[in-house]
Amino acid sequence: MNIQHLKYVLAVDMHRHFATAARNCYVTQPTLSMMIRALEDELGIRIFDRSRQPVVPTAGGEAVIAQAKVIMQEAERMKEIIHELKGEIKGELKLGIIPTVAPYLLPLFLNSFLRKYPRLKIKIIELTTQQIIEKLKEHHLDVGILATPLNSEALKEQPLYYEQFVVYASRNEKLMKKKFLIPSDIDTSHLWLLEEGHCLRTQILNLCELRKKGLETSNLEYEAGSIETLKKMVDINNGITILPELALQELSKKDKKFVRHFKPQVPVREISIVTYRHFVKQRMVDILKEEICNAVPPEMLAAKRKRVTSVV
């Protein structure tokens, strides 16, 4: 048994197809099949059920695959230890980030981060919360930036900052007559929401207690895919939407006149760095966390917003 055997097993588990796995491993299918068969013979079990398409792991194969992931993580950790001993920050970091955070947070720190660590390659993909969780557990991502808590023992959460919610509304909404708001001021029949799958949608439903009283809608029902679309729906069609605090930096001076803040306790969302429990590139996460905390407004940092009402 060697590392290459385990790489081939994990490739087949990922693609559930021997030919596709072989292409992604840059070997011929017979070579990959022969290596996996040799490992199966050594272990005395069949790892994959080849009679099914796509191929699936056997019961014993599931246990082998789970352990193979741990072994590969530990092998990767060996490289990280050497880099740390040499004082080097190099390698690759695969980052998943939710769409309601990405356009506002990434511009604050990404360019300076890349300049500071030119030997570190970072791959970023926007995904929903559930997609990030699944890819972290499958080791397809190293780290996620998303709203927490997630209440998963398999994941480690490191809070970065607490982001207030604000209301953005058209000029003819009644709540615009008030300086500060409470959730019950929001007319839910005028509320524009993100589509299903976005955690921000769930947080807003909880904030306005729409789960309890039901969502009233106007004669136009539209679920947006981005916060920017929500804002444009308000601008064009009137109504109300809820924005996260960092989105305010994108608003013009004119647009900010249509923003209203909540009264204390101000509702917020907790944004954290999340990793799988067996994650090994901890030094990379530490510098990523440091760069983000240096970039966001100081008053938003987790250490300075302990007395908040987090919406989950």
Protein backbone atom coordinates (compact mmCIF):
# COMPACT_ATOMS: atom_id res chain seq x y z
CA MET A 1 0.00 0.00 0.00
CA ASN A 2 1.26 3.49 -0.82
CA ILE A 3 0.03 7.06 -1.21
CA GLN A 4 -0.57 6.60 -4.93
CA HIS A 5 -2.97 3.73 -4.25
CA LEU A 6 -4.99 6.00 -1.97
CA LYS A 7 -5.00 8.87 -4.49
CA TYR A 8 -6.53 6.56 -7.09
CA VAL A 9 -9.15 5.31 -4.64
CA LEU A 10 -10.17 8.85 -3.74
CA ALA A 11 -10.30 9.84 -7.42
CA VAL A 12 -12.71 7.00 -8.19
CA ASP A 13 -14.78 7.89 -5.14
CA MET A 14 -14.99 11.50 -6.35
CA HIS A 15 -15.86 10.79 -9.98
CA ARG A 16 -17.63 7.41 -9.52
CA HIS A 17 -16.19 6.39 -12.89
CA PHE A 18 -12.87 4.64 -13.52
CA ALA A 19 -12.16 6.25 -16.90
CA THR A 20 -12.88 9.77 -15.62
CA ALA A 21 -10.78 9.17 -12.51
CA ALA A 22 -7.90 7.92 -14.65
CA ARG A 23 -8.01 11.02 -16.88
CA ASN A 24 -7.92 13.28 -13.84
CA CYS A 25 -4.96 11.31 -12.44
CA TYR A 26 -3.14 11.46 -15.81
CA VAL A 27 -2.85 7.69 -16.11
CA THR A 28 -4.50 5.08 -18.30
CA GLN A 29 -7.63 3.36 -17.03
CA PRO A 30 -5.93 -0.09 -16.98
CA THR A 31 -3.14 1.34 -14.80
CA LEU A 32 -5.57 2.89 -12.34
CA SER A 33 -7.76 -0.23 -12.24
CA MET A 34 -4.74 -2.46 -11.70
CA MET A 35 -3.48 -0.32 -8.78
CA ILE A 36 -6.87 -0.33 -7.08
CA ARG A 37 -7.26 -4.06 -7.62
CA ALA A 38 -3.81 -4.62 -6.07
CA LEU A 39 -4.87 -2.62 -3.01
CA GLU A 40 -8.12 -4.58 -2.76
CA ASP A 41 -6.19 -7.85 -2.92
CA GLU A 42 -3.82 -6.63 -0.20
CA LEU A 43 -6.69 -5.60 2.08
CA GLY A 44 -8.81 -8.62 1.28
CA ILE A 45 -11.96 -6.65 0.42
CA ARG A 46 -13.55 -5.01 -2.59
CA ILE A 47 -13.52 -1.22 -2.25
CA PHE A 48 -15.88 -0.52 -5.17
CA ASP A 49 -18.91 -2.30 -6.56
CA ARG A 50 -18.06 -2.34 -10.27
CA SER A 51 -21.36 -3.96 -11.25
CA ARG A 52 -23.17 -0.65 -10.79
CA GLN A 53 -22.94 2.50 -12.87
CA PRO A 54 -21.87 4.86 -11.59
CA VAL A 55 -19.59 2.73 -9.41
CA VAL A 56 -20.21 2.98 -5.67
CA PRO A 57 -18.13 2.03 -2.64
CA THR A 58 -18.93 -1.17 -0.82
CA ALA A 59 -19.62 -1.05 2.92
CA GLY A 60 -15.99 -1.94 3.61
CA GLY A 61 -14.91 0.50 0.90
CA GLU A 62 -16.62 3.36 2.71
CA ALA A 63 -14.41 2.71 5.75
CA VAL A 64 -11.28 2.50 3.58
CA ILE A 65 -12.14 5.76 1.81
CA ALA A 66 -12.79 7.57 5.09
CA GLN A 67 -9.40 6.48 6.42
CA ALA A 68 -7.70 7.30 3.11
CA LYS A 69 -8.92 10.89 3.42
CA VAL A 70 -7.39 11.16 6.88
CA ILE A 71 -4.09 9.67 5.69
CA MET A 72 -3.90 12.05 2.73
CA GLN A 73 -4.61 14.98 5.03
CA GLU A 74 -1.79 13.90 7.33
CA ALA A 75 0.57 13.45 4.37
CA GLU A 76 -0.27 16.98 3.28
CA ARG A 77 0.37 18.14 6.83
CA MET A 78 3.96 16.89 6.51
CA LYS A 79 4.55 19.40 3.72
CA GLU A 80 2.95 22.16 5.78
CA ILE A 81 5.21 21.38 8.74
CA ILE A 82 8.30 21.73 6.54
CA HIS A 83 7.05 25.01 5.10
CA GLU A 84 6.39 26.33 8.62
CA LEU A 85 9.87 25.28 9.81
CA LYS A 86 11.34 27.21 6.89
CA GLY A 87 9.11 30.19 7.58
CA GLU A 88 7.46 29.78 4.17
CA ILE A 89 3.87 30.52 3.23
CA LYS A 90 3.32 28.58 0.03
CA GLY A 91 0.95 26.08 -1.48
CA GLU A 92 -2.72 26.18 -2.45
CA LEU A 93 -5.79 27.20 -0.47
CA LYS A 94 -9.25 26.35 -1.82
CA LEU A 95 -11.80 28.80 -0.43
CA GLY A 96 -15.59 28.69 -0.63
CA ILE A 97 -17.54 31.85 0.19
CA ILE A 98 -21.24 32.64 0.21
CA PRO A 99 -22.48 35.10 -2.46
CA THR A 100 -23.86 37.58 0.06
CA VAL A 101 -20.38 38.05 1.55
CA ALA A 102 -18.05 37.66 -1.45
CA PRO A 103 -18.61 40.95 -3.37
CA TYR A 104 -18.22 43.08 -0.25
CA LEU A 105 -15.50 41.28 1.72
CA LEU A 106 -13.09 40.07 -0.99
CA PRO A 107 -12.24 43.56 -2.37
CA LEU A 108 -11.26 44.67 1.13
CA PHE A 109 -8.34 42.28 1.55
CA LEU A 110 -7.70 40.07 -1.49
CA ASN A 111 -5.21 42.20 -3.48
CA SER A 112 -3.05 43.03 -0.48
CA PHE A 113 -3.19 39.39 0.66
CA LEU A 114 -1.93 38.13 -2.70
CA ARG A 115 0.84 40.73 -2.81
CA LYS A 116 1.98 39.84 0.68
CA TYR A 117 2.03 36.07 -0.01
CA PRO A 118 2.99 35.66 -3.70
CA ARG A 119 3.83 31.95 -3.28
CA LEU A 120 0.36 31.13 -1.97
CA LYS A 121 -2.21 30.25 -4.62
CA ILE A 122 -5.83 30.82 -3.58
CA LYS A 123 -8.77 29.34 -5.48
CA ILE A 124 -12.10 30.99 -4.68
CA ILE A 125 -15.60 29.79 -5.54
CA GLU A 126 -18.98 31.25 -4.57
CA LEU A 127 -21.34 28.62 -3.17
CA THR A 128 -24.36 28.39 -0.90
CA THR A 129 -23.87 27.47 2.74
CA GLN A 130 -24.96 23.86 2.24
CA GLN A 131 -22.67 23.43 -0.76
CA ILE A 132 -19.70 24.75 1.23
CA ILE A 133 -20.45 22.40 4.14
CA GLU A 134 -20.62 19.39 1.82
CA LYS A 135 -17.40 20.29 0.00
CA LEU A 136 -15.55 20.87 3.28
CA LYS A 137 -16.56 17.43 4.49
CA GLU A 138 -15.57 15.87 1.17
CA HIS A 139 -12.19 17.71 1.25
CA HIS A 140 -12.97 19.51 -2.00
CA LEU A 141 -12.54 22.82 -0.14
CA ASP A 142 -9.98 23.76 2.49
CA VAL A 143 -11.88 26.60 4.12
CA GLY A 144 -15.23 28.38 3.95
CA ILE A 145 -16.32 31.92 4.79
CA LEU A 146 -19.99 31.92 5.71
CA ALA A 147 -22.61 32.84 8.27
CA THR A 148 -22.55 30.84 11.48
CA PRO A 149 -23.28 29.04 13.77
CA LEU A 150 -23.67 25.83 11.77
CA ASN A 151 -24.04 23.47 14.75
CA SER A 152 -21.91 20.72 13.20
CA GLU A 153 -19.41 18.75 15.28
CA ALA A 154 -17.47 17.96 12.09
CA LEU A 155 -16.66 21.62 11.47
CA LYS A 156 -14.55 24.18 13.32
CA GLU A 157 -15.80 27.79 13.34
CA GLN A 158 -13.62 30.85 13.97
CA PRO A 159 -15.73 34.05 14.12
CA LEU A 160 -14.34 36.97 12.13
CA TYR A 161 -16.90 39.75 12.50
CA TYR A 162 -20.52 40.56 13.26
CA GLU A 163 -22.38 42.32 10.49
CA GLN A 164 -25.46 44.41 11.21
CA PHE A 165 -28.60 44.22 9.09
CA VAL A 166 -30.04 47.43 7.68
CA VAL A 167 -33.23 48.25 5.80
CA TYR A 168 -33.16 49.67 2.27
CA ALA A 169 -36.54 51.01 1.15
CA SER A 170 -38.19 53.20 -1.43
CA ARG A 171 -39.05 56.76 -0.44
CA ASN A 172 -42.81 56.10 -0.26
CA GLU A 173 -42.57 53.36 2.40
CA LYS A 174 -44.13 54.34 5.74
CA LEU A 175 -41.08 53.19 7.68
CA MET A 176 -39.00 55.91 5.97
CA LYS A 177 -40.63 58.41 8.33
CA LYS A 178 -38.77 56.77 11.21
CA LYS A 179 -35.09 57.24 12.07
CA PHE A 180 -34.68 53.81 13.69
CA LEU A 181 -36.72 50.66 13.15
CA ILE A 182 -37.84 47.46 14.80
CA PRO A 183 -38.57 44.28 12.77
CA SER A 184 -42.33 44.72 13.11
CA ASP A 185 -42.09 48.00 11.17
CA ILE A 186 -41.41 46.00 8.00
CA ASP A 187 -44.42 45.48 5.73
CA THR A 188 -43.79 41.91 4.62
CA SER A 189 -46.03 42.28 1.56
CA HIS A 190 -43.50 44.85 0.26
CA LEU A 191 -40.41 42.77 1.10
CA TRP A 192 -38.02 41.54 -1.62
CA LEU A 193 -36.09 38.36 -0.73
CA LEU A 194 -33.27 36.25 -2.11
CA GLU A 195 -34.16 32.92 -3.68
CA GLU A 196 -34.26 29.68 -1.69
CA GLY A 197 -30.86 28.29 -0.69
CA HIS A 198 -29.33 31.54 0.53
CA CYS A 199 -28.76 31.68 4.29
CA LEU A 200 -29.45 35.44 4.22
CA ARG A 201 -33.01 34.67 3.13
CA THR A 202 -33.48 32.38 6.13
CA GLN A 203 -32.02 34.99 8.48
CA ILE A 204 -34.40 37.66 7.18
CA LEU A 205 -37.38 35.32 7.52
CA ASN A 206 -36.35 34.70 11.13
CA LEU A 207 -35.74 38.40 11.77
CA CYS A 208 -39.22 39.35 10.57
CA GLU A 209 -40.75 36.24 12.17
CA LEU A 210 -42.18 35.31 8.80
CA ARG A 211 -41.88 31.61 9.61
CA LYS A 212 -44.57 32.11 12.25
CA LYS A 213 -47.01 34.44 10.49
CA GLY A 214 -46.51 33.47 6.86
CA LEU A 215 -45.07 35.50 4.01
CA GLU A 216 -47.53 37.94 2.47
CA THR A 217 -46.78 38.86 -1.12
CA SER A 218 -47.82 41.53 -3.57
CA ASN A 219 -49.12 40.78 -7.07
CA LEU A 220 -45.48 40.60 -8.21
CA GLU A 221 -43.40 37.86 -6.61
CA TYR A 222 -39.70 37.80 -7.47
CA GLU A 223 -36.90 35.95 -5.70
CA ALA A 224 -33.52 37.46 -6.52
CA GLY A 225 -30.17 35.73 -6.91
CA SER A 226 -28.06 38.58 -5.54
CA ILE A 227 -28.21 41.49 -3.12
CA GLU A 228 -27.58 43.94 -5.97
CA THR A 229 -30.70 42.64 -7.73
CA LEU A 230 -32.73 43.16 -4.55
CA LYS A 231 -31.58 46.77 -4.38
CA LYS A 232 -32.52 47.36 -8.02
CA MET A 233 -35.97 45.86 -7.44
CA VAL A 234 -36.51 48.42 -4.69
CA ASP A 235 -35.21 51.24 -6.89
CA ILE A 236 -37.43 50.30 -9.84
CA ASN A 237 -40.50 48.67 -8.29
CA ASN A 238 -40.51 50.23 -4.80
CA GLY A 239 -40.70 48.09 -1.66
CA ILE A 240 -38.22 47.03 1.00
CA THR A 241 -35.21 44.76 1.32
CA ILE A 242 -32.66 43.91 4.01
CA LEU A 243 -28.95 44.47 3.37
CA PRO A 244 -25.85 43.30 5.28
CA GLU A 245 -23.68 46.08 6.67
CA LEU A 246 -20.72 45.69 4.30
CA ALA A 247 -23.07 46.23 1.32
CA LEU A 248 -23.39 49.87 2.41
CA GLN A 249 -19.92 50.59 1.04
CA GLU A 250 -21.33 50.02 -2.46
CA LEU A 251 -24.11 52.59 -2.05
CA SER A 252 -23.89 56.14 -3.35
CA LYS A 253 -24.50 59.10 -1.07
CA LYS A 254 -27.95 59.41 -2.64
CA ASP A 255 -28.80 55.74 -2.05
CA LYS A 256 -27.74 55.94 1.59
CA LYS A 257 -30.65 58.32 2.20
CA PHE A 258 -32.95 55.31 1.79
CA VAL A 259 -31.18 53.24 4.46
CA ARG A 260 -32.65 52.85 7.94
CA HIS A 261 -30.94 51.16 10.91
CA PHE A 262 -32.54 49.01 13.57
CA LYS A 263 -32.85 50.01 17.19
CA PRO A 264 -30.70 48.17 19.77
CA GLN A 265 -30.40 45.25 20.16
CA VAL A 266 -29.41 45.54 16.54
CA PRO A 267 -29.79 42.23 14.65
CA VAL A 268 -26.55 40.94 13.14
CA ARG A 269 -25.12 37.91 11.42
CA GLU A 270 -21.92 36.21 12.51
CA ILE A 271 -19.39 35.65 9.71
CA SER A 272 -16.75 33.00 10.36
CA ILE A 273 -13.91 31.04 8.83
CA VAL A 274 -14.96 27.39 8.83
CA THR A 275 -12.75 24.32 8.36
CA TYR A 276 -13.20 20.57 8.62
CA ARG A 277 -12.03 19.02 11.87
CA HIS A 278 -9.07 17.24 10.19
CA PHE A 279 -7.89 20.38 8.39
CA VAL A 280 -4.09 20.69 8.27
CA LYS A 281 -3.25 24.02 6.62
CA GLN A 282 -3.77 25.95 9.85
CA ARG A 283 -1.01 28.47 9.22
CA MET A 284 -2.75 29.54 6.00
CA VAL A 285 -6.03 29.99 7.86
CA ASP A 286 -4.29 32.05 10.54
CA ILE A 287 -2.87 34.52 8.02
CA LEU A 288 -6.17 34.65 6.12
CA LYS A 289 -8.02 35.45 9.34
CA GLU A 290 -5.44 38.11 10.22
CA GLU A 291 -5.76 39.81 6.82
CA ILE A 292 -9.56 39.85 6.96
CA CYS A 293 -9.67 41.21 10.51
CA ASN A 294 -7.22 43.96 9.52
CA ALA A 295 -9.41 44.89 6.53
CA VAL A 296 -12.94 45.05 7.94
CA PRO A 297 -14.06 48.09 9.97
CA PRO A 298 -12.72 47.66 13.52
CA GLU A 299 -16.13 48.10 15.13
CA MET A 300 -17.36 44.97 13.31
CA LEU A 301 -14.75 42.60 14.72
CA ALA A 302 -16.03 39.69 16.76
CA ALA A 303 -14.12 40.81 19.86
CA LYS A 304 -15.87 44.20 19.80
CA ARG A 305 -19.44 43.08 19.18
CA LYS A 306 -20.09 40.62 21.95
CA ARG A 307 -23.39 42.15 23.00
CA VAL A 308 -25.38 41.57 19.86
CA THR A 309 -28.48 39.71 18.73
CA SER A 310 -27.34 37.20 16.15
CA VAL A 311 -29.99 36.11 13.65
CA VAL A 312 -29.71 32.43 12.64
